[in-house]
Amino acid sequence: MAINFKELAEKYQTPYYVYDFDYISKQYNELKDAFKARKSLISYAVKANSNLSVVKHLGDQGSGADCVSIGEVKRALKVGIAKYKIIFSGVGKTDSEIKEALELDILMINVESEAELHRVALVAKELAKIARISIRVNPNVDPKTHPYISTGLHENKFGVDIDTAKRMYIFAKNNESTEPIGIHCHIGSQLTELEPIKESVNIVADLVRNIKSALKIDLSFFDVGGGLGIVYDDETLINTYDYAQTVLDALFGLDITVVCEPGRFLVGNSGTFVTKVLYEKINGSKRFVIVDGAMNDLIRPSLYDAYHKIEVLDKTEDTSDCNVVGPVCESGDFFAKNIKLPKTENNDLITIHSAGAYGFTMASNYNTRGKVAEIALEDGKDKLIRRRETFEDLIAHEEEYL
């Protein structure tokens, strides 16, 4: 769908995020259809974009929710996602979060260490409840992605090794307050090669067979995580049919529901961050395009040195090297370095693409900057789904203590 960025800028001001909900639906249905031959649950990774309207839109398609805080669990429940479709993951759950998750009776808690399993069991016992749990296995497979978003190696903080997982399943089976119903693996984000996924799911599928025969534990859910990559630049992507077949081949002969936790795949390329040019600046031979958006709005370029395609609206000619930078008082406040853009003028609009995932959700109020507006587009119509923050919003939790 063609987006009229200028019209949206006039209506909502800049900077803003805009998300194409029709694209999100297309991505969800593509992945759901790839697993249609098997019992499956697509659980959206809420951390990618946690706007209530985005989560609700996916819930309306039939999606569950993969959550990494009790706040994300509450977001999913608030917009109507069924509790039996919600998974609570993360390496550092507090006792109060565990307690609340058990009281909310969600599908399962995904545990990532022996210490955490013991805390879950203790909290469940105090509540006189049985905690349904899955265990995150770290298969020690190199995901071939950025080290900051790699999660499946022993050097990463996530999950447990095979031997530890076996001990944990024995404990969970024998403890009166825990019920092991699932297994989980997730080796990283922005995955563009199928082989690491194949290697990891085969390792974990073998473990499922082992604990079924040796420990007499029948698991109901095999969670393959998320991580399917998207195009930011010129990436070659994993075909969703090939992805699904790889997972299903590994699970041959097992009566188990496949759980998939896509985030970026569903929303990443639905989103565009739009900012306007304030002016240009020349330092010696260096050209800077200074815009009203900043690293507090979209931190991925600063944090990961991530690439996002950048365009100047309605201008393509007479390009030269420049850095696109914002007003924040940090040298790391940039959206791109050494890229070719046309000469710009005050109020020109710049579009930063592939910004639907890990954009607004990682935003901050650094330099006392309000978070920007979020807009949804569906069936050709725009709708504000989060208003721009005001100064009064920013001081609301401080002012009363003066």
Protein backbone atom coordinates (compact mmCIF):
# COMPACT_ATOMS: atom_id res chain seq x y z
CA MET A 1 0.00 0.00 0.00
CA ALA A 2 1.32 3.42 -0.94
CA ILE A 3 1.61 5.63 2.13
CA ASN A 4 1.10 9.39 1.95
CA PHE A 5 3.82 10.34 4.43
CA LYS A 6 3.36 14.05 3.77
CA GLU A 7 -0.34 13.95 4.57
CA LEU A 8 0.36 12.04 7.78
CA ALA A 9 3.04 14.56 8.75
CA GLU A 10 0.59 17.42 8.30
CA LYS A 11 -2.04 15.60 10.34
CA TYR A 12 0.12 14.18 13.16
CA GLN A 13 3.37 16.24 13.01
CA THR A 14 6.85 14.66 13.03
CA PRO A 15 8.58 12.50 14.04
CA TYR A 16 6.15 9.58 13.90
CA TYR A 17 5.96 5.83 13.39
CA VAL A 18 3.45 4.41 10.95
CA TYR A 19 2.56 0.70 10.69
CA ASP A 20 0.83 -1.08 7.81
CA PHE A 21 -1.61 -3.46 9.52
CA ASP A 22 -2.53 -5.15 6.23
CA TYR A 23 1.12 -6.16 5.84
CA ILE A 24 1.15 -7.57 9.38
CA SER A 25 -1.90 -9.71 8.54
CA LYS A 26 -0.21 -10.99 5.40
CA GLN A 27 2.93 -12.01 7.29
CA TYR A 28 0.94 -13.74 10.04
CA ASN A 29 -1.14 -15.74 7.58
CA GLU A 30 1.94 -16.73 5.57
CA LEU A 31 3.56 -18.26 8.63
CA LYS A 32 0.36 -19.82 9.94
CA ASP A 33 -0.28 -21.43 6.55
CA ALA A 34 3.26 -22.83 6.47
CA PHE A 35 2.45 -24.91 9.58
CA LYS A 36 -1.12 -25.80 8.59
CA ALA A 37 -0.29 -29.50 8.30
CA ARG A 38 0.45 -29.68 12.03
CA LYS A 39 -1.07 -28.56 15.32
CA SER A 40 0.49 -25.16 15.79
CA LEU A 41 0.36 -21.91 17.74
CA ILE A 42 1.84 -18.68 16.43
CA SER A 43 2.69 -16.59 19.51
CA TYR A 44 3.68 -13.04 18.62
CA ALA A 45 6.84 -11.83 20.38
CA VAL A 46 5.35 -8.77 22.06
CA LYS A 47 8.76 -7.20 22.71
CA ALA A 48 9.12 -6.44 18.99
CA ASN A 49 6.30 -3.91 19.06
CA SER A 50 4.11 -3.82 22.14
CA ASN A 51 1.59 -1.15 21.12
CA LEU A 52 -1.80 -2.39 22.31
CA SER A 53 -3.37 -1.91 18.89
CA VAL A 54 -0.61 -3.96 17.23
CA VAL A 55 -0.97 -6.77 19.79
CA LYS A 56 -4.76 -6.69 19.45
CA HIS A 57 -4.57 -6.78 15.66
CA LEU A 58 -2.48 -9.94 15.81
CA GLY A 59 -4.69 -11.43 18.51
CA ASP A 60 -7.69 -10.86 16.25
CA GLN A 61 -5.90 -12.91 13.58
CA GLY A 62 -5.62 -15.79 16.08
CA SER A 63 -2.15 -15.15 17.43
CA GLY A 64 -0.98 -15.94 20.93
CA ALA A 65 1.66 -13.93 22.78
CA ASP A 66 5.26 -14.59 23.76
CA CYS A 67 5.98 -12.29 26.70
CA VAL A 68 9.18 -11.45 28.58
CA SER A 69 7.67 -9.45 31.45
CA ILE A 70 4.47 -9.55 33.43
CA GLY A 71 3.67 -6.20 31.82
CA GLU A 72 3.68 -7.82 28.38
CA VAL A 73 1.48 -10.62 29.74
CA LYS A 74 -1.01 -7.99 30.93
CA ARG A 75 -0.90 -6.22 27.57
CA ALA A 76 -1.83 -9.46 25.82
CA LEU A 77 -4.66 -10.21 28.22
CA LYS A 78 -5.95 -6.63 28.07
CA VAL A 79 -6.52 -6.82 24.31
CA GLY A 80 -8.28 -10.16 24.49
CA ILE A 81 -5.62 -12.77 23.76
CA ALA A 82 -6.70 -15.98 25.48
CA LYS A 83 -4.67 -16.95 28.53
CA TYR A 84 -4.08 -20.43 27.10
CA LYS A 85 -2.15 -18.80 24.22
CA ILE A 86 0.25 -16.81 26.42
CA ILE A 87 3.82 -17.86 27.28
CA PHE A 88 5.96 -16.08 29.87
CA SER A 89 9.69 -16.23 29.05
CA GLY A 90 12.81 -14.37 30.20
CA VAL A 91 15.87 -15.11 32.30
CA GLY A 92 15.09 -12.93 35.31
CA LYS A 93 11.51 -13.33 36.55
CA THR A 94 10.88 -12.04 40.05
CA ASP A 95 8.83 -13.98 42.59
CA SER A 96 6.04 -11.42 42.27
CA GLU A 97 5.98 -11.85 38.48
CA ILE A 98 5.91 -15.65 38.82
CA LYS A 99 3.09 -15.37 41.36
CA GLU A 100 1.04 -13.13 39.11
CA ALA A 101 1.60 -15.35 36.07
CA LEU A 102 0.39 -18.38 38.02
CA GLU A 103 -2.66 -16.51 39.29
CA LEU A 104 -3.46 -15.39 35.73
CA ASP A 105 -3.33 -19.08 34.68
CA ILE A 106 -1.47 -18.55 31.40
CA LEU A 107 -0.42 -21.46 29.19
CA MET A 108 3.08 -21.94 30.61
CA ILE A 109 6.12 -20.35 32.18
CA ASN A 110 9.28 -20.87 30.18
CA VAL A 111 12.12 -21.41 32.66
CA GLU A 112 15.77 -20.76 31.85
CA SER A 113 17.76 -22.10 34.82
CA GLU A 114 17.63 -24.61 37.66
CA ALA A 115 17.50 -21.76 40.15
CA GLU A 116 14.48 -20.29 38.41
CA LEU A 117 12.71 -23.65 38.30
CA HIS A 118 13.14 -23.98 42.05
CA ARG A 119 11.70 -20.49 42.57
CA VAL A 120 8.71 -21.33 40.35
CA ALA A 121 8.11 -24.54 42.30
CA LEU A 122 8.32 -22.70 45.63
CA VAL A 123 5.95 -19.92 44.58
CA ALA A 124 3.50 -22.45 43.14
CA LYS A 125 3.56 -24.44 46.36
CA GLU A 126 2.84 -21.30 48.41
CA LEU A 127 -0.14 -20.60 46.15
CA ALA A 128 -1.28 -24.24 46.22
CA LYS A 129 -1.12 -24.26 42.42
CA ILE A 130 0.57 -26.43 39.82
CA ALA A 131 2.88 -24.46 37.53
CA ARG A 132 2.85 -25.55 33.90
CA ILE A 133 6.40 -25.10 32.67
CA SER A 134 8.57 -25.45 29.61
CA ILE A 135 12.36 -25.46 29.70
CA ARG A 136 14.51 -23.39 27.38
CA VAL A 137 17.32 -25.48 25.97
CA ASN A 138 20.46 -23.83 24.67
CA PRO A 139 21.64 -26.07 21.81
CA ASN A 140 25.02 -24.29 21.46
CA VAL A 141 24.47 -23.53 17.77
CA ASP A 142 25.95 -20.47 16.07
CA PRO A 143 22.97 -18.59 14.58
CA LYS A 144 25.13 -16.57 12.12
CA THR A 145 23.66 -13.26 13.23
CA HIS A 146 24.74 -10.12 15.10
CA PRO A 147 26.38 -11.11 18.44
CA TYR A 148 24.03 -8.84 20.39
CA ILE A 149 21.00 -10.79 19.16
CA SER A 150 22.55 -14.26 19.32
CA THR A 151 20.97 -16.36 22.07
CA GLY A 152 21.76 -20.01 21.38
CA LEU A 153 25.42 -20.33 22.38
CA HIS A 154 26.73 -21.30 25.80
CA GLU A 155 28.33 -17.85 26.07
CA ASN A 156 24.83 -16.31 25.95
CA LYS A 157 22.76 -15.90 29.10
CA PHE A 158 19.74 -17.78 27.77
CA GLY A 159 18.62 -21.36 28.41
CA VAL A 160 20.40 -24.43 29.75
CA ASP A 161 22.51 -27.20 28.26
CA ILE A 162 21.16 -30.65 27.50
CA ASP A 163 22.34 -32.34 30.71
CA THR A 164 20.97 -29.54 32.88
CA ALA A 165 17.67 -29.72 31.02
CA LYS A 166 17.37 -33.44 31.80
CA ARG A 167 17.91 -32.78 35.51
CA MET A 168 15.31 -30.04 35.40
CA TYR A 169 12.74 -32.28 33.74
CA ILE A 170 13.30 -34.94 36.40
CA PHE A 171 12.81 -32.35 39.12
CA ALA A 172 9.70 -30.89 37.45
CA LYS A 173 8.16 -34.33 37.00
CA ASN A 174 8.74 -35.36 40.61
CA ASN A 175 7.77 -32.04 42.20
CA GLU A 176 4.12 -31.82 43.19
CA SER A 177 3.93 -28.14 42.26
CA THR A 178 5.26 -28.28 38.68
CA GLU A 179 4.07 -29.93 35.48
CA PRO A 180 6.48 -30.07 32.51
CA ILE A 181 4.43 -29.60 29.35
CA GLY A 182 6.85 -28.00 26.88
CA ILE A 183 10.35 -27.48 25.58
CA HIS A 184 11.77 -24.34 24.01
CA CYS A 185 14.76 -23.20 21.98
CA HIS A 186 15.57 -19.88 20.36
CA ILE A 187 19.04 -19.34 18.91
CA GLY A 188 18.83 -15.70 17.90
CA SER A 189 17.13 -12.92 15.99
CA GLN A 190 17.32 -11.78 12.35
CA LEU A 191 18.17 -15.29 11.17
CA THR A 192 18.79 -15.56 7.42
CA GLU A 193 20.28 -19.07 7.19
CA LEU A 194 18.23 -22.24 7.59
CA GLU A 195 21.05 -24.61 8.57
CA PRO A 196 21.51 -23.32 12.16
CA ILE A 197 17.76 -23.64 12.73
CA LYS A 198 17.80 -27.18 11.34
CA GLU A 199 20.71 -28.12 13.56
CA SER A 200 19.14 -26.71 16.71
CA VAL A 201 15.63 -28.18 16.25
CA ASN A 202 17.11 -31.61 15.55
CA ILE A 203 19.17 -31.45 18.75
CA VAL A 204 16.14 -30.44 20.80
CA ALA A 205 13.82 -32.94 19.08
CA ASP A 206 16.25 -35.72 20.01
CA LEU A 207 16.06 -34.52 23.60
CA VAL A 208 12.26 -34.72 23.48
CA ARG A 209 12.49 -38.34 22.33
CA ASN A 210 15.06 -39.09 25.02
CA ILE A 211 13.03 -37.71 27.91
CA LYS A 212 9.91 -39.45 26.56
CA SER A 213 11.60 -42.87 26.55
CA ALA A 214 13.96 -42.51 29.51
CA LEU A 215 11.99 -40.22 31.83
CA LYS A 216 8.45 -41.11 30.72
CA ILE A 217 7.59 -37.44 30.18
CA ASP A 218 5.21 -36.67 27.32
CA LEU A 219 5.55 -33.04 26.32
CA SER A 220 2.68 -31.24 24.61
CA PHE A 221 4.49 -28.22 23.13
CA PHE A 222 7.66 -27.82 21.09
CA ASP A 223 8.52 -24.12 20.97
CA VAL A 224 10.94 -23.36 18.14
CA GLY A 225 11.26 -19.70 19.15
CA GLY A 226 11.30 -16.95 16.58
CA GLY A 227 14.06 -15.07 14.84
CA LEU A 228 13.11 -15.28 11.17
CA GLY A 229 14.91 -12.42 9.43
CA ILE A 230 13.57 -9.65 7.24
CA VAL A 231 15.03 -7.53 4.46
CA TYR A 232 16.76 -4.40 5.72
CA ASP A 233 19.24 -4.14 2.86
CA ASP A 234 19.94 -7.02 0.49
CA GLU A 235 19.47 -10.06 2.73
CA THR A 236 18.45 -13.41 1.26
CA LEU A 237 15.66 -14.70 3.48
CA ILE A 238 14.54 -18.10 4.69
CA ASN A 239 11.49 -19.37 2.80
CA THR A 240 8.67 -19.91 5.30
CA TYR A 241 7.63 -23.23 3.73
CA ASP A 242 11.21 -24.52 3.94
CA TYR A 243 11.39 -23.29 7.53
CA ALA A 244 8.20 -25.11 8.50
CA GLN A 245 9.25 -28.32 6.74
CA THR A 246 12.61 -28.27 8.52
CA VAL A 247 10.85 -28.07 11.88
CA LEU A 248 8.24 -30.68 10.99
CA ASP A 249 10.87 -33.09 9.66
CA ALA A 250 12.71 -32.87 12.98
CA LEU A 251 9.51 -33.67 14.84
CA PHE A 252 8.54 -36.65 12.69
CA GLY A 253 6.75 -39.27 14.78
CA LEU A 254 6.11 -36.94 17.73
CA ASP A 255 2.56 -36.00 18.69
CA ILE A 256 3.35 -32.45 19.77
CA THR A 257 2.08 -28.94 19.05
CA VAL A 258 4.54 -26.62 17.34
CA VAL A 259 4.84 -23.15 18.85
CA CYS A 260 6.50 -20.37 16.89
CA GLU A 261 7.34 -16.92 18.31
CA PRO A 262 7.79 -14.45 15.44
CA GLY A 263 8.27 -10.77 16.20
CA ARG A 264 10.40 -8.91 13.65
CA PHE A 265 9.07 -11.19 10.87
CA LEU A 266 5.51 -9.99 11.51
CA VAL A 267 5.99 -6.30 12.16
CA GLY A 268 9.50 -5.20 11.10
CA ASN A 269 8.77 -4.21 7.53
CA SER A 270 5.30 -2.94 8.39
CA GLY A 271 6.81 0.13 9.99
CA THR A 272 8.39 3.38 8.82
CA PHE A 273 9.88 6.09 11.01
CA VAL A 274 9.31 9.51 9.53
CA THR A 275 11.32 12.56 10.54
CA LYS A 276 11.77 16.02 9.03
CA VAL A 277 14.91 17.89 8.11
CA LEU A 278 15.76 20.87 10.31
CA TYR A 279 18.78 22.01 8.33
CA GLU A 280 22.12 20.89 6.94
CA LYS A 281 25.54 21.57 8.44
CA ILE A 282 29.02 21.34 6.94
CA ASN A 283 32.00 20.66 9.23
CA GLY A 284 35.05 20.97 7.01
CA SER A 285 34.35 18.42 4.30
CA LYS A 286 31.72 16.56 6.35
CA ARG A 287 28.03 17.03 5.56
CA PHE A 288 25.39 16.48 8.24
CA VAL A 289 21.64 16.26 7.65
CA ILE A 290 20.09 17.24 10.99
CA VAL A 291 16.57 15.93 11.61
CA ASP A 292 13.99 16.22 14.40
CA GLY A 293 14.08 12.49 15.20
CA ALA A 294 16.87 11.07 17.35
CA MET A 295 18.45 7.99 18.89
CA ASN A 296 15.93 8.09 21.72
CA ASP A 297 13.22 7.44 19.09
CA LEU A 298 15.04 4.74 17.09
CA ILE A 299 18.19 3.40 18.73
CA ARG A 300 19.02 0.42 16.51
CA PRO A 301 21.61 2.28 14.34
CA SER A 302 23.42 3.52 17.46
CA LEU A 303 23.08 0.28 19.45
CA TYR A 304 23.77 -2.32 16.74
CA ASP A 305 25.20 -0.18 13.96
CA ALA A 306 22.07 -1.47 12.23
CA TYR A 307 21.26 -0.53 8.65
CA HIS A 308 17.91 1.01 7.76
CA LYS A 309 17.12 2.18 4.26
CA ILE A 310 16.75 5.98 4.29
CA GLU A 311 15.10 8.12 1.63
CA VAL A 312 14.32 11.79 1.19
CA LEU A 313 10.70 12.13 0.14
CA ASP A 314 10.28 13.32 -3.47
CA LYS A 315 14.02 13.82 -4.02
CA THR A 316 16.45 11.40 -5.69
CA GLU A 317 19.02 13.41 -7.63
CA ASP A 318 22.26 15.29 -6.87
CA THR A 319 23.29 12.99 -4.04
CA SER A 320 26.40 13.28 -1.91
CA ASP A 321 27.83 11.65 1.20
CA CYS A 322 26.33 12.65 4.54
CA ASN A 323 25.52 11.57 8.07
CA VAL A 324 21.89 11.70 9.17
CA VAL A 325 21.87 12.85 12.79
CA GLY A 326 19.45 14.03 15.47
CA PRO A 327 19.36 16.67 18.22
CA VAL A 328 20.37 14.42 21.14
CA CYS A 329 23.59 15.42 22.88
CA GLU A 330 25.56 12.25 22.02
CA SER A 331 28.00 11.44 19.23
CA GLY A 332 26.11 8.17 18.91
CA ASP A 333 22.95 10.02 17.88
CA PHE A 334 22.77 9.04 14.22
CA PHE A 335 20.51 7.10 11.86
CA ALA A 336 23.16 6.55 9.20
CA LYS A 337 26.75 7.46 8.44
CA ASN A 338 28.38 8.00 5.06
CA ILE A 339 25.30 7.46 2.93
CA LYS A 340 24.41 9.28 -0.26
CA LEU A 341 21.34 11.51 -0.08
CA PRO A 342 20.09 14.44 -2.17
CA LYS A 343 20.56 17.95 -0.86
CA THR A 344 17.83 18.66 1.67
CA GLU A 345 16.03 21.72 2.92
CA ASN A 346 14.04 22.63 6.03
CA ASN A 347 10.85 20.54 6.38
CA ASP A 348 11.86 17.90 3.82
CA LEU A 349 10.63 14.51 5.03
CA ILE A 350 12.98 11.58 5.52
CA THR A 351 11.65 8.03 5.71
CA ILE A 352 13.54 5.39 7.68
CA HIS A 353 12.29 1.98 6.63
CA SER A 354 11.96 -1.43 8.33
CA ALA A 355 11.27 0.29 11.64
CA GLY A 356 8.24 -1.66 12.86
CA ALA A 357 10.24 -3.92 15.19
CA TYR A 358 12.48 -2.81 18.05
CA GLY A 359 11.85 0.80 17.20
CA PHE A 360 9.29 2.43 19.46
CA THR A 361 9.58 -0.37 22.04
CA MET A 362 13.22 0.57 22.67
CA ALA A 363 12.54 4.31 22.73
CA SER A 364 13.37 6.47 25.75
CA ASN A 365 12.84 9.97 27.10
CA TYR A 366 16.55 10.83 27.09
CA ASN A 367 17.16 14.61 26.98
CA THR A 368 13.55 15.02 28.20
CA ARG A 369 12.24 14.21 24.74
CA GLY A 370 8.68 12.96 24.52
CA LYS A 371 8.03 9.70 22.72
CA VAL A 372 6.59 10.16 19.25
CA ALA A 373 3.16 9.39 17.85
CA GLU A 374 2.29 5.94 16.47
CA ILE A 375 -0.13 5.57 13.58
CA ALA A 376 -1.82 2.52 12.06
CA LEU A 377 -2.87 2.12 8.44
CA GLU A 378 -5.53 -0.44 7.59
CA ASP A 379 -7.73 -0.72 4.52
CA GLY A 380 -6.37 2.62 3.33
CA LYS A 381 -7.36 4.49 6.49
CA ASP A 382 -5.05 5.99 9.11
CA LYS A 383 -5.66 5.89 12.85
CA LEU A 384 -3.70 7.29 15.79
CA ILE A 385 -2.79 4.41 18.11
CA ARG A 386 -0.56 6.33 20.53
CA ARG A 387 -0.52 10.08 20.94
CA ARG A 388 2.68 12.08 21.11
CA GLU A 389 3.92 12.58 24.67
CA THR A 390 3.82 16.02 26.23
CA PHE A 391 6.15 17.60 28.77
CA GLU A 392 3.42 17.09 31.36
CA ASP A 393 3.43 13.35 30.61
CA LEU A 394 7.16 13.23 31.26
CA ILE A 395 7.04 14.86 34.68
CA ALA A 396 3.78 13.27 35.87
CA HIS A 397 5.52 10.80 38.20
CA GLU A 398 7.96 13.36 39.59
CA GLU A 399 6.04 16.57 40.09
CA GLU A 400 4.09 15.45 43.15
CA TYR A 401 7.35 14.83 45.04
CA LEU A 402 8.73 18.35 44.65
